[in-house]
Amino acid sequence: TAVQLLENYESRFCARLLVEDAPGV
């Protein structure tokens, strides 16, 4: 009870997407 769990912490992230090969994506 002396601390609070920080679930929505901040970090950098790396995401990989498979997308349609088209303009505007």
PDB file of all heavy atoms in Angstrom:
ATOM      1  N   THR A   1       0.819  -1.216   0.000  1.00  0.00           N
ATOM      2  CA  THR A   1       0.000   0.000   0.000  1.00  0.00           C
ATOM      3  C   THR A   1       0.853   1.265   0.000  1.00  0.00           C
ATOM      4  O   THR A   1       0.336   2.369  -0.175  1.00  0.00           O
ATOM      5  CB  THR A   1      -0.936   0.021   1.217  1.00  0.00           C
ATOM      6  OG1 THR A   1      -0.140  -0.076   2.413  1.00  0.00           O
ATOM      7  CG2 THR A   1      -1.916  -1.139   1.170  1.00  0.00           C
ATOM      8  N   ALA A   2       2.162   1.118   0.179  1.00  0.00           N
ATOM      9  CA  ALA A   2       3.053   2.280   0.203  1.00  0.00           C
ATOM     10  C   ALA A   2       3.335   2.822  -1.189  1.00  0.00           C
ATOM     11  O   ALA A   2       3.863   3.926  -1.333  1.00  0.00           O
ATOM     12  CB  ALA A   2       4.371   1.912   0.879  1.00  0.00           C
ATOM     13  N   VAL A   3       2.979   2.043  -2.215  1.00  0.00           N
ATOM     14  CA  VAL A   3       3.262   2.471  -3.586  1.00  0.00           C
ATOM     15  C   VAL A   3       2.018   2.287  -4.462  1.00  0.00           C
ATOM     16  O   VAL A   3       1.078   1.584  -4.103  1.00  0.00           O
ATOM     17  CB  VAL A   3       4.427   1.667  -4.203  1.00  0.00           C
ATOM     18  CG1 VAL A   3       5.717   1.921  -3.444  1.00  0.00           C
ATOM     19  CG2 VAL A   3       4.107   0.181  -4.241  1.00  0.00           C
ATOM     20  N   GLN A   4       2.068   2.937  -5.613  1.00  0.00           N
ATOM     21  CA  GLN A   4       0.996   2.819  -6.585  1.00  0.00           C
ATOM     22  C   GLN A   4       1.575   2.219  -7.860  1.00  0.00           C
ATOM     23  O   GLN A   4       2.632   2.651  -8.335  1.00  0.00           O
ATOM     24  CB  GLN A   4       0.384   4.199  -6.873  1.00  0.00           C
ATOM     25  CG  GLN A   4      -0.726   4.173  -7.912  1.00  0.00           C
ATOM     26  CD  GLN A   4      -1.242   5.571  -8.221  1.00  0.00           C
ATOM     27  OE1 GLN A   4      -0.795   6.551  -7.629  1.00  0.00           O
ATOM     28  NE2 GLN A   4      -2.176   5.660  -9.151  1.00  0.00           N
ATOM     29  N   LEU A   5       0.895   1.227  -8.404  1.00  0.00           N
ATOM     30  CA  LEU A   5       1.371   0.596  -9.629  1.00  0.00           C
ATOM     31  C   LEU A   5       1.077   1.502 -10.819  1.00  0.00           C
ATOM     32  O   LEU A   5      -0.065   1.915 -11.038  1.00  0.00           O
ATOM     33  CB  LEU A   5       0.688  -0.761  -9.820  1.00  0.00           C
ATOM     34  CG  LEU A   5       1.271  -1.654 -10.919  1.00  0.00           C
ATOM     35  CD1 LEU A   5       2.680  -2.094 -10.554  1.00  0.00           C
ATOM     36  CD2 LEU A   5       0.380  -2.870 -11.141  1.00  0.00           C
ATOM     37  N   LEU A   6       2.109   1.823 -11.578  1.00  0.00           N
ATOM     38  CA  LEU A   6       1.962   2.669 -12.763  1.00  0.00           C
ATOM     39  C   LEU A   6       1.789   1.752 -13.973  1.00  0.00           C
ATOM     40  O   LEU A   6       2.758   1.215 -14.504  1.00  0.00           O
ATOM     41  CB  LEU A   6       3.195   3.565 -12.931  1.00  0.00           C
ATOM     42  CG  LEU A   6       3.180   4.546 -14.109  1.00  0.00           C
ATOM     43  CD1 LEU A   6       2.003   5.496 -14.019  1.00  0.00           C
ATOM     44  CD2 LEU A   6       4.495   5.311 -14.177  1.00  0.00           C
ATOM     45  N   GLU A   7       0.555   1.567 -14.395  1.00  0.00           N
ATOM     46  CA  GLU A   7       0.277   0.665 -15.515  1.00  0.00           C
ATOM     47  C   GLU A   7       0.404   1.372 -16.856  1.00  0.00           C
ATOM     48  O   GLU A   7       0.818   0.776 -17.842  1.00  0.00           O
ATOM     49  CB  GLU A   7      -1.120   0.064 -15.358  1.00  0.00           C
ATOM     50  CG  GLU A   7      -1.259  -0.777 -14.088  1.00  0.00           C
ATOM     51  CD  GLU A   7      -2.642  -1.366 -13.926  1.00  0.00           C
ATOM     52  OE1 GLU A   7      -2.866  -2.458 -14.479  1.00  0.00           O
ATOM     53  OE2 GLU A   7      -3.488  -0.734 -13.257  1.00  0.00           O
ATOM     54  N   ASN A   8       0.051   2.647 -16.901  1.00  0.00           N
ATOM     55  CA  ASN A   8       0.135   3.396 -18.156  1.00  0.00           C
ATOM     56  C   ASN A   8       1.460   4.160 -18.204  1.00  0.00           C
ATOM     57  O   ASN A   8       1.496   5.382 -18.303  1.00  0.00           O
ATOM     58  CB  ASN A   8      -1.048   4.350 -18.292  1.00  0.00           C
ATOM     59  CG  ASN A   8      -1.187   4.893 -19.701  1.00  0.00           C
ATOM     60  OD1 ASN A   8      -0.719   4.280 -20.660  1.00  0.00           O
ATOM     61  ND2 ASN A   8      -1.818   6.047 -19.838  1.00  0.00           N
ATOM     62  N   TYR A   9       2.557   3.406 -18.123  1.00  0.00           N
ATOM     63  CA  TYR A   9       3.890   3.994 -18.129  1.00  0.00           C
ATOM     64  C   TYR A   9       4.240   4.484 -19.541  1.00  0.00           C
ATOM     65  O   TYR A   9       3.586   4.123 -20.533  1.00  0.00           O
ATOM     66  CB  TYR A   9       4.916   2.959 -17.673  1.00  0.00           C
ATOM     67  CG  TYR A   9       4.879   1.679 -18.484  1.00  0.00           C
ATOM     68  CD1 TYR A   9       5.615   1.564 -19.661  1.00  0.00           C
ATOM     69  CD2 TYR A   9       4.099   0.599 -18.074  1.00  0.00           C
ATOM     70  CE1 TYR A   9       5.572   0.403 -20.413  1.00  0.00           C
ATOM     71  CE2 TYR A   9       4.046  -0.565 -18.824  1.00  0.00           C
ATOM     72  CZ  TYR A   9       4.775  -0.660 -19.989  1.00  0.00           C
ATOM     73  OH  TYR A   9       4.729  -1.802 -20.746  1.00  0.00           O
ATOM     74  N   GLU A  10       5.285   5.301 -19.625  1.00  0.00           N
ATOM     75  CA  GLU A  10       5.747   5.805 -20.915  1.00  0.00           C
ATOM     76  C   GLU A  10       6.994   5.060 -21.376  1.00  0.00           C
ATOM     77  O   GLU A  10       7.844   4.684 -20.572  1.00  0.00           O
ATOM     78  CB  GLU A  10       6.028   7.303 -20.844  1.00  0.00           C
ATOM     79  CG  GLU A  10       4.772   8.147 -20.734  1.00  0.00           C
ATOM     80  CD  GLU A  10       5.032   9.606 -21.052  1.00  0.00           C
ATOM     81  OE1 GLU A  10       6.226   9.992 -21.194  1.00  0.00           O
ATOM     82  OE2 GLU A  10       4.053  10.356 -21.159  1.00  0.00           O
ATOM     83  N   SER A  11       7.067   4.846 -22.666  1.00  0.00           N
ATOM     84  CA  SER A  11       8.221   4.179 -23.265  1.00  0.00           C
ATOM     85  C   SER A  11       8.259   4.543 -24.739  1.00  0.00           C
ATOM     86  O   SER A  11       7.290   5.085 -25.285  1.00  0.00           O
ATOM     87  CB  SER A  11       8.104   2.658 -23.104  1.00  0.00           C
ATOM     88  OG  SER A  11       9.179   1.990 -23.743  1.00  0.00           O
ATOM     89  N   ARG A  12       9.360   4.247 -25.381  1.00  0.00           N
ATOM     90  CA  ARG A  12       9.400   4.262 -26.831  1.00  0.00           C
ATOM     91  C   ARG A  12       8.977   2.885 -27.329  1.00  0.00           C
ATOM     92  O   ARG A  12       9.185   1.873 -26.646  1.00  0.00           O
ATOM     93  CB  ARG A  12      10.792   4.619 -27.339  1.00  0.00           C
ATOM     94  CG  ARG A  12      11.169   6.068 -27.066  1.00  0.00           C
ATOM     95  CD  ARG A  12      12.548   6.402 -27.588  1.00  0.00           C
ATOM     96  NE  ARG A  12      12.845   7.815 -27.374  1.00  0.00           N
ATOM     97  CZ  ARG A  12      14.000   8.379 -27.686  1.00  0.00           C
ATOM     98  NH1 ARG A  12      14.968   7.652 -28.213  1.00  0.00           N
ATOM     99  NH2 ARG A  12      14.197   9.672 -27.463  1.00  0.00           N
ATOM    100  N   PHE A  13       8.422   2.830 -28.510  1.00  0.00           N
ATOM    101  CA  PHE A  13       7.942   1.570 -29.065  1.00  0.00           C
ATOM    102  C   PHE A  13       8.352   1.441 -30.525  1.00  0.00           C
ATOM    103  O   PHE A  13       8.551   2.451 -31.224  1.00  0.00           O
ATOM    104  CB  PHE A  13       6.415   1.482 -28.967  1.00  0.00           C
ATOM    105  CG  PHE A  13       5.898   1.372 -27.563  1.00  0.00           C
ATOM    106  CD1 PHE A  13       5.618   2.506 -26.818  1.00  0.00           C
ATOM    107  CD2 PHE A  13       5.695   0.128 -26.970  1.00  0.00           C
ATOM    108  CE1 PHE A  13       5.149   2.407 -25.521  1.00  0.00           C
ATOM    109  CE2 PHE A  13       5.222   0.021 -25.679  1.00  0.00           C
ATOM    110  CZ  PHE A  13       4.953   1.163 -24.949  1.00  0.00           C
ATOM    111  N   CYS A  14       8.455   0.183 -30.964  1.00  0.00           N
ATOM    112  CA  CYS A  14       8.724  -0.124 -32.362  1.00  0.00           C
ATOM    113  C   CYS A  14       7.639  -1.080 -32.842  1.00  0.00           C
ATOM    114  O   CYS A  14       7.494  -2.185 -32.301  1.00  0.00           O
ATOM    115  CB  CYS A  14      10.106  -0.756 -32.528  1.00  0.00           C
ATOM    116  SG  CYS A  14      10.543  -1.116 -34.252  1.00  0.00           S
ATOM    117  N   ALA A  15       6.860  -0.644 -33.832  1.00  0.00           N
ATOM    118  CA  ALA A  15       5.768  -1.464 -34.354  1.00  0.00           C
ATOM    119  C   ALA A  15       6.036  -1.804 -35.813  1.00  0.00           C
ATOM    120  O   ALA A  15       6.505  -0.949 -36.583  1.00  0.00           O
ATOM    121  CB  ALA A  15       4.439  -0.729 -34.219  1.00  0.00           C
ATOM    122  N   ARG A  16       5.726  -3.035 -36.195  1.00  0.00           N
ATOM    123  CA  ARG A  16       5.871  -3.452 -37.583  1.00  0.00           C
ATOM    124  C   ARG A  16       4.501  -3.792 -38.154  1.00  0.00           C
ATOM    125  O   ARG A  16       3.759  -4.605 -37.575  1.00  0.00           O
ATOM    126  CB  ARG A  16       6.817  -4.643 -37.707  1.00  0.00           C
ATOM    127  CG  ARG A  16       7.226  -4.935 -39.147  1.00  0.00           C
ATOM    128  CD  ARG A  16       8.188  -6.097 -39.276  1.00  0.00           C
ATOM    129  NE  ARG A  16       7.506  -7.361 -39.090  1.00  0.00           N
ATOM    130  CZ  ARG A  16       7.689  -8.174 -38.080  1.00  0.00           C
ATOM    131  NH1 ARG A  16       8.535  -7.838 -37.131  1.00  0.00           N
ATOM    132  NH2 ARG A  16       7.039  -9.322 -38.002  1.00  0.00           N
ATOM    133  N   LEU A  17       4.165  -3.184 -39.284  1.00  0.00           N
ATOM    134  CA  LEU A  17       2.859  -3.367 -39.898  1.00  0.00           C
ATOM    135  C   LEU A  17       3.004  -3.988 -41.284  1.00  0.00           C
ATOM    136  O   LEU A  17       3.935  -3.662 -42.025  1.00  0.00           O
ATOM    137  CB  LEU A  17       2.132  -2.023 -40.057  1.00  0.00           C
ATOM    138  CG  LEU A  17       2.076  -1.066 -38.866  1.00  0.00           C
ATOM    139  CD1 LEU A  17       1.325   0.192 -39.264  1.00  0.00           C
ATOM    140  CD2 LEU A  17       1.421  -1.729 -37.669  1.00  0.00           C
ATOM    141  N   LEU A  18       2.065  -4.843 -41.644  1.00  0.00           N
ATOM    142  CA  LEU A  18       1.917  -5.316 -43.024  1.00  0.00           C
ATOM    143  C   LEU A  18       0.758  -4.528 -43.616  1.00  0.00           C
ATOM    144  O   LEU A  18      -0.370  -4.582 -43.099  1.00  0.00           O
ATOM    145  CB  LEU A  18       1.632  -6.812 -43.060  1.00  0.00           C
ATOM    146  CG  LEU A  18       1.481  -7.438 -44.455  1.00  0.00           C
ATOM    147  CD1 LEU A  18       2.792  -7.351 -45.237  1.00  0.00           C
ATOM    148  CD2 LEU A  18       1.005  -8.886 -44.348  1.00  0.00           C
ATOM    149  N   VAL A  19       1.042  -3.753 -44.664  1.00  0.00           N
ATOM    150  CA  VAL A  19       0.045  -2.820 -45.192  1.00  0.00           C
ATOM    151  C   VAL A  19      -0.076  -2.967 -46.706  1.00  0.00           C
ATOM    152  O   VAL A  19       0.784  -3.555 -47.381  1.00  0.00           O
ATOM    153  CB  VAL A  19       0.420  -1.364 -44.850  1.00  0.00           C
ATOM    154  CG1 VAL A  19       0.519  -1.167 -43.351  1.00  0.00           C
ATOM    155  CG2 VAL A  19       1.726  -0.952 -45.531  1.00  0.00           C
ATOM    156  N   GLU A  20      -1.141  -2.401 -47.234  1.00  0.00           N
ATOM    157  CA  GLU A  20      -1.316  -2.314 -48.675  1.00  0.00           C
ATOM    158  C   GLU A  20      -0.248  -1.373 -49.245  1.00  0.00           C
ATOM    159  O   GLU A  20       0.023  -0.306 -48.679  1.00  0.00           O
ATOM    160  CB  GLU A  20      -2.712  -1.770 -48.982  1.00  0.00           C
ATOM    161  CG  GLU A  20      -3.022  -1.648 -50.462  1.00  0.00           C
ATOM    162  CD  GLU A  20      -4.379  -1.019 -50.712  1.00  0.00           C
ATOM    163  OE1 GLU A  20      -5.079  -0.699 -49.722  1.00  0.00           O
ATOM    164  OE2 GLU A  20      -4.727  -0.832 -51.893  1.00  0.00           O
ATOM    165  N   ASP A  21       0.361  -1.767 -50.343  1.00  0.00           N
ATOM    166  CA  ASP A  21       1.389  -0.945 -50.971  1.00  0.00           C
ATOM    167  C   ASP A  21       0.704   0.058 -51.893  1.00  0.00           C
ATOM    168  O   ASP A  21       0.574  -0.143 -53.110  1.00  0.00           O
ATOM    169  CB  ASP A  21       2.355  -1.837 -51.755  1.00  0.00           C
ATOM    170  CG  ASP A  21       3.601  -1.079 -52.204  1.00  0.00           C
ATOM    171  OD1 ASP A  21       3.747   0.096 -51.809  1.00  0.00           O
ATOM    172  OD2 ASP A  21       4.420  -1.657 -52.941  1.00  0.00           O
ATOM    173  N   ALA A  22       0.252   1.163 -51.272  1.00  0.00           N
ATOM    174  CA  ALA A  22      -0.525   2.148 -52.018  1.00  0.00           C
ATOM    175  C   ALA A  22      -0.299   3.532 -51.424  1.00  0.00           C
ATOM    176  O   ALA A  22       0.065   3.662 -50.246  1.00  0.00           O
ATOM    177  CB  ALA A  22      -2.016   1.793 -51.980  1.00  0.00           C
ATOM    178  N   PRO A  23      -0.526   4.587 -52.204  1.00  0.00           N
ATOM    179  CA  PRO A  23      -0.378   5.949 -51.676  1.00  0.00           C
ATOM    180  C   PRO A  23      -1.370   6.213 -50.541  1.00  0.00           C
ATOM    181  O   PRO A  23      -2.482   5.693 -50.532  1.00  0.00           O
ATOM    182  CB  PRO A  23      -0.692   6.843 -52.898  1.00  0.00           C
ATOM    183  CG  PRO A  23      -0.473   5.967 -54.080  1.00  0.00           C
ATOM    184  CD  PRO A  23      -0.851   4.581 -53.651  1.00  0.00           C
ATOM    185  N   GLY A  24      -0.944   7.019 -49.554  1.00  0.00           N
ATOM    186  CA  GLY A  24      -1.829   7.447 -48.477  1.00  0.00           C
ATOM    187  C   GLY A  24      -1.866   6.542 -47.270  1.00  0.00           C
ATOM    188  O   GLY A  24      -2.476   6.889 -46.242  1.00  0.00           O
ATOM    189  N   VAL A  25      -1.229   5.379 -47.363  1.00  0.00           N
ATOM    190  CA  VAL A  25      -1.268   4.443 -46.234  1.00  0.00           C
ATOM    191  C   VAL A  25      -0.572   5.038 -45.006  1.00  0.00           C
ATOM    192  O   VAL A  25      -1.116   5.029 -43.898  1.00  0.00           O
ATOM    193  CB  VAL A  25      -0.624   3.095 -46.620  1.00  0.00           C
ATOM    194  CG1 VAL A  25      -0.480   2.208 -45.380  1.00  0.00           C
ATOM    195  CG2 VAL A  25      -1.462   2.387 -47.672  1.00  0.00           C
TER     196      VAL A  25
END
